[in-house]
N, C-alpha and C. Protein backbone atom coordinates (compact mmCIF):
# COMPACT_ATOMS: atom_id res chain seq x y z
N UNK A 1 20.49 33.75 -4.49
CA UNK A 1 20.01 32.29 -3.88
C UNK A 1 18.76 31.92 -4.97
N UNK A 2 18.84 30.86 -5.29
CA UNK A 2 17.85 30.15 -6.20
C UNK A 2 16.90 29.39 -5.12
N UNK A 3 15.57 29.52 -5.20
CA UNK A 3 14.89 28.80 -4.26
C UNK A 3 13.91 28.16 -5.26
N UNK A 4 13.74 26.66 -5.00
CA UNK A 4 13.07 25.88 -5.78
C UNK A 4 11.94 25.24 -4.44
N UNK A 5 10.74 25.23 -5.19
CA UNK A 5 9.79 24.20 -4.19
C UNK A 5 9.26 23.27 -4.93
N UNK A 6 9.36 22.19 -4.23
CA UNK A 6 8.79 20.97 -4.96
C UNK A 6 7.40 20.62 -4.23
N UNK A 7 6.76 20.20 -5.18
CA UNK A 7 5.16 19.71 -4.50
C UNK A 7 5.08 18.26 -4.40
N UNK A 8 4.93 17.89 -3.25
CA UNK A 8 4.94 16.55 -2.83
C UNK A 8 3.55 16.21 -2.50
N UNK A 9 3.16 15.29 -3.14
CA UNK A 9 1.63 14.58 -3.09
C UNK A 9 1.58 14.16 -1.51
N UNK A 10 0.34 14.45 -1.04
CA UNK A 10 0.01 14.10 0.72
C UNK A 10 0.13 12.52 0.87
N UNK A 11 0.60 12.14 1.82
CA UNK A 11 0.72 10.74 2.47
C UNK A 11 -0.95 10.27 2.30
N UNK A 12 -0.94 8.89 1.46
CA UNK A 12 -2.18 8.21 1.63
C UNK A 12 -2.00 7.13 2.35
N UNK A 13 -3.00 6.29 3.06
CA UNK A 13 -3.10 5.17 3.90
C UNK A 13 -3.72 4.14 2.87
N UNK A 14 -3.25 2.86 2.52
CA UNK A 14 -3.73 2.04 1.72
C UNK A 14 -3.70 0.64 2.53
N UNK A 15 -4.89 -0.05 2.48
CA UNK A 15 -4.87 -1.43 3.10
C UNK A 15 -5.34 -2.31 2.07
N UNK A 16 -4.78 -3.53 2.32
CA UNK A 16 -5.20 -4.55 1.51
C UNK A 16 -4.82 -6.00 2.14
N UNK A 17 -5.47 -7.03 1.45
CA UNK A 17 -5.16 -8.23 2.07
C UNK A 17 -4.45 -8.95 1.12
N UNK A 18 -3.50 -10.06 1.57
CA UNK A 18 -2.62 -10.57 0.76
C UNK A 18 -2.69 -12.24 0.91
N UNK A 19 -2.85 -13.07 -0.15
CA UNK A 19 -3.23 -14.49 0.08
C UNK A 19 -1.91 -15.00 0.75
N UNK A 20 -0.82 -14.63 0.68
CA UNK A 20 0.48 -15.13 1.21
C UNK A 20 1.43 -14.06 1.40
N UNK A 21 2.31 -14.44 2.27
CA UNK A 21 3.33 -13.19 2.64
C UNK A 21 4.45 -13.41 1.68
N UNK A 22 4.55 -14.26 0.91
CA UNK A 22 5.44 -14.16 -0.53
C UNK A 22 4.82 -13.09 -1.40
N UNK A 23 3.67 -12.83 -1.51
CA UNK A 23 2.90 -11.68 -2.41
C UNK A 23 3.42 -10.61 -1.84
N UNK A 24 3.47 -10.31 -0.78
CA UNK A 24 3.64 -8.84 -0.03
C UNK A 24 5.18 -8.58 -0.37
N UNK A 25 6.07 -9.62 -0.12
CA UNK A 25 7.43 -9.26 -0.44
C UNK A 25 7.55 -9.19 -1.76
N UNK A 26 6.86 -9.91 -2.93
CA UNK A 26 7.18 -9.42 -4.27
C UNK A 26 6.67 -8.12 -4.57
N UNK A 27 5.42 -7.64 -4.03
CA UNK A 27 5.25 -6.30 -4.02
C UNK A 27 6.19 -5.12 -3.68
N UNK A 28 6.80 -5.76 -2.43
CA UNK A 28 7.56 -4.65 -1.76
C UNK A 28 9.12 -4.48 -2.65
N UNK A 29 9.29 -5.61 -3.44
CA UNK A 29 10.51 -5.77 -4.25
C UNK A 29 10.45 -4.68 -5.51
N UNK A 30 9.29 -4.34 -5.75
CA UNK A 30 9.08 -3.73 -6.98
C UNK A 30 9.72 -2.65 -7.02
N UNK A 31 10.50 -1.84 -8.27
CA UNK A 31 10.99 -0.56 -8.08
C UNK A 31 10.16 0.46 -7.70
N UNK A 32 8.89 0.19 -8.30
CA UNK A 32 7.70 1.49 -8.06
C UNK A 32 7.62 1.53 -6.69
N UNK A 33 7.76 0.65 -5.70
CA UNK A 33 7.57 0.91 -4.34
C UNK A 33 8.63 1.17 -3.47
N UNK A 34 9.20 2.29 -3.82
CA UNK A 34 10.32 2.85 -3.08
C UNK A 34 10.01 4.09 -2.05
N UNK A 35 8.82 4.54 -2.36
CA UNK A 35 8.33 5.45 -1.47
C UNK A 35 7.27 5.22 -0.42
N UNK A 36 7.43 3.99 0.25
CA UNK A 36 6.71 3.88 1.41
C UNK A 36 7.17 4.63 2.70
N UNK A 37 6.31 5.10 3.38
CA UNK A 37 6.74 5.83 4.69
C UNK A 37 6.63 4.59 5.77
N UNK A 38 5.61 3.99 5.87
CA UNK A 38 5.38 2.86 6.88
C UNK A 38 4.73 1.84 5.99
N UNK A 39 4.90 0.52 6.47
CA UNK A 39 4.34 -0.52 6.43
C UNK A 39 3.96 -1.40 7.61
N UNK A 40 2.73 -2.13 7.71
CA UNK A 40 2.33 -2.83 8.71
C UNK A 40 1.75 -4.06 8.00
N UNK A 41 2.39 -5.26 8.54
CA UNK A 41 1.77 -6.47 8.29
C UNK A 41 1.45 -7.14 9.41
N UNK A 42 -0.22 -7.68 9.08
CA UNK A 42 -0.69 -8.01 10.29
C UNK A 42 -1.49 -9.22 10.19
N UNK A 43 -0.94 -10.48 10.48
CA UNK A 43 -1.62 -11.73 10.26
C UNK A 43 -2.88 -11.86 10.87
N UNK A 44 -3.84 -12.52 10.14
CA UNK A 44 -5.25 -12.62 10.61
C UNK A 44 -5.51 -13.94 11.02
N UNK A 45 -5.85 -14.13 12.50
CA UNK A 45 -6.22 -15.40 13.11
C UNK A 45 -7.23 -16.25 12.63
N UNK A 46 -8.07 -15.70 12.01
CA UNK A 46 -9.38 -16.02 11.54
C UNK A 46 -9.35 -16.49 9.89
N UNK A 47 -8.14 -16.05 9.27
CA UNK A 47 -8.40 -16.24 7.81
C UNK A 47 -6.67 -16.63 7.43
N UNK A 48 -6.57 -17.45 6.22
CA UNK A 48 -5.20 -17.77 6.07
C UNK A 48 -4.52 -16.09 5.44
N UNK A 49 -5.53 -15.30 5.04
CA UNK A 49 -4.81 -13.97 4.36
C UNK A 49 -4.00 -13.25 5.61
N UNK A 50 -3.37 -12.31 4.88
CA UNK A 50 -2.53 -11.25 5.72
C UNK A 50 -2.93 -9.91 5.36
N UNK A 51 -3.09 -9.04 6.30
CA UNK A 51 -3.47 -7.79 6.01
C UNK A 51 -2.37 -6.86 5.96
N UNK A 52 -2.25 -6.04 5.33
CA UNK A 52 -1.10 -5.01 4.97
C UNK A 52 -1.47 -3.46 4.86
N UNK A 53 -0.90 -2.68 5.55
CA UNK A 53 -1.39 -1.32 5.46
C UNK A 53 0.11 -0.67 5.32
N UNK A 54 -0.16 0.38 4.24
CA UNK A 54 1.02 1.10 3.89
C UNK A 54 0.73 2.49 3.74
N UNK A 55 1.56 3.33 4.22
CA UNK A 55 1.59 4.74 3.99
C UNK A 55 2.65 5.06 3.21
N UNK A 56 2.06 5.91 2.08
CA UNK A 56 3.11 6.64 1.08
C UNK A 56 2.22 7.76 0.39
N UNK A 57 3.10 8.32 -0.44
CA UNK A 57 2.77 9.48 -1.27
C UNK A 57 2.38 9.00 -2.74
N UNK A 58 2.63 7.61 -2.98
CA UNK A 58 1.92 7.38 -4.23
C UNK A 58 0.35 7.27 -4.47
N UNK A 59 0.22 7.32 -5.75
CA UNK A 59 -1.33 7.51 -6.08
C UNK A 59 -1.94 6.26 -5.99
N UNK A 60 -3.41 5.97 -6.03
CA UNK A 60 -4.16 4.84 -5.84
C UNK A 60 -3.76 4.23 -7.21
N UNK A 61 -3.75 4.88 -8.44
CA UNK A 61 -3.41 4.15 -9.52
C UNK A 61 -2.05 3.62 -9.54
N UNK A 62 -1.10 4.22 -9.10
CA UNK A 62 0.26 3.67 -9.18
C UNK A 62 0.29 2.37 -8.05
N UNK A 63 -0.39 2.34 -6.96
CA UNK A 63 -0.42 1.35 -6.24
C UNK A 63 -1.09 0.01 -7.05
N UNK A 64 -2.24 0.41 -7.66
CA UNK A 64 -2.96 -0.67 -8.40
C UNK A 64 -2.09 -1.20 -9.84
N UNK A 65 -1.26 -0.39 -10.34
CA UNK A 65 -0.31 -0.89 -11.37
C UNK A 65 0.69 -1.65 -10.63
N UNK A 66 1.25 -1.23 -9.50
CA UNK A 66 2.20 -2.39 -9.10
C UNK A 66 1.56 -3.50 -8.40
N UNK A 67 0.59 -3.37 -7.91
CA UNK A 67 0.10 -4.79 -7.69
C UNK A 67 -0.41 -5.72 -8.52
N UNK A 68 -0.82 -5.05 -9.98
CA UNK A 68 -1.10 -5.98 -10.98
C UNK A 68 0.42 -6.68 -11.56
N UNK A 69 1.60 -6.31 -11.14
CA UNK A 69 2.87 -7.03 -11.46
C UNK A 69 3.00 -7.97 -10.75
N UNK A 70 2.29 -8.29 -9.47
CA UNK A 70 2.64 -9.36 -8.57
C UNK A 70 2.09 -10.67 -9.18
N UNK A 71 3.03 -11.67 -9.46
CA UNK A 71 2.31 -12.86 -10.00
C UNK A 71 0.92 -13.23 -9.39
N UNK A 72 1.00 -13.54 -8.02
CA UNK A 72 -0.45 -13.92 -7.51
C UNK A 72 -1.00 -12.95 -6.89
N UNK A 73 -1.08 -11.83 -7.38
CA UNK A 73 -1.62 -10.39 -6.62
C UNK A 73 -2.84 -10.23 -6.88
N UNK A 74 -3.76 -11.27 -7.33
CA UNK A 74 -5.22 -10.87 -7.75
C UNK A 74 -6.02 -10.73 -6.39
N UNK A 75 -5.57 -11.41 -5.36
CA UNK A 75 -6.34 -11.10 -3.89
C UNK A 75 -5.96 -9.69 -3.35
N UNK A 76 -4.96 -9.01 -3.75
CA UNK A 76 -4.53 -7.77 -3.21
C UNK A 76 -5.20 -6.75 -4.11
N UNK A 77 -5.06 -7.02 -5.46
CA UNK A 77 -5.92 -6.10 -6.46
C UNK A 77 -7.56 -6.21 -6.07
N UNK A 78 -8.00 -7.35 -5.66
CA UNK A 78 -9.65 -7.30 -5.44
C UNK A 78 -9.81 -6.64 -4.26
N UNK A 79 -8.91 -6.81 -3.18
CA UNK A 79 -9.16 -6.13 -1.83
C UNK A 79 -8.59 -4.85 -1.49
N UNK A 80 -7.96 -4.21 -2.55
CA UNK A 80 -7.26 -3.09 -1.93
C UNK A 80 -8.34 -1.63 -1.89
N UNK A 81 -8.06 -1.18 -0.47
CA UNK A 81 -8.93 0.00 -0.26
C UNK A 81 -8.09 1.28 0.24
N UNK A 82 -8.49 2.50 -0.14
CA UNK A 82 -7.45 3.61 0.13
C UNK A 82 -8.43 4.36 1.29
N UNK A 83 -7.65 4.88 2.23
CA UNK A 83 -8.22 5.83 3.28
C UNK A 83 -7.31 7.10 3.43
N UNK A 84 -7.89 8.24 3.29
CA UNK A 84 -7.20 9.37 3.50
C UNK A 84 -6.91 9.44 5.03
N UNK A 85 -6.22 10.31 5.52
CA UNK A 85 -5.69 10.13 7.03
C UNK A 85 -6.97 10.67 7.92
N UNK A 86 -7.81 11.62 7.53
CA UNK A 86 -8.96 11.97 8.54
C UNK A 86 -9.78 10.66 8.65
N UNK A 87 -10.07 9.92 7.52
CA UNK A 87 -10.98 8.97 7.53
C UNK A 87 -10.45 7.88 8.31
N UNK A 88 -9.25 7.62 8.17
CA UNK A 88 -8.24 6.55 9.08
C UNK A 88 -8.21 6.93 10.67
N UNK A 89 -8.35 8.13 10.86
CA UNK A 89 -8.41 8.42 12.27
C UNK A 89 -9.80 8.46 12.85
N UNK A 90 -10.69 8.50 11.88
CA UNK A 90 -12.28 8.47 12.40
C UNK A 90 -12.44 6.93 12.68
N UNK A 91 -11.95 6.10 11.78
CA UNK A 91 -12.34 4.73 12.03
C UNK A 91 -11.76 4.03 13.33
N UNK A 92 -10.78 4.64 13.78
CA UNK A 92 -9.94 4.00 15.03
C UNK A 92 -10.79 4.39 16.37
């Protein structure tokens, strides 16, 4: 019997703001963004921007690289933040 173990990076939660919903859809359409466990899109009633929270095992650098590929992704790049799960639980 052959046993293999695969090391899977821990899930991270990222939050960023997008200027338009189309920016979010362009980001989600990228081939690099196939490892999302969860996405939450939250319209902001006080701003025209849209809040986006994703849970993934992609690294912060992988997310940053993907955001840079979005044509109007400058708002997302400037605003991105990363929390690990214990930090997120503490802020709620």
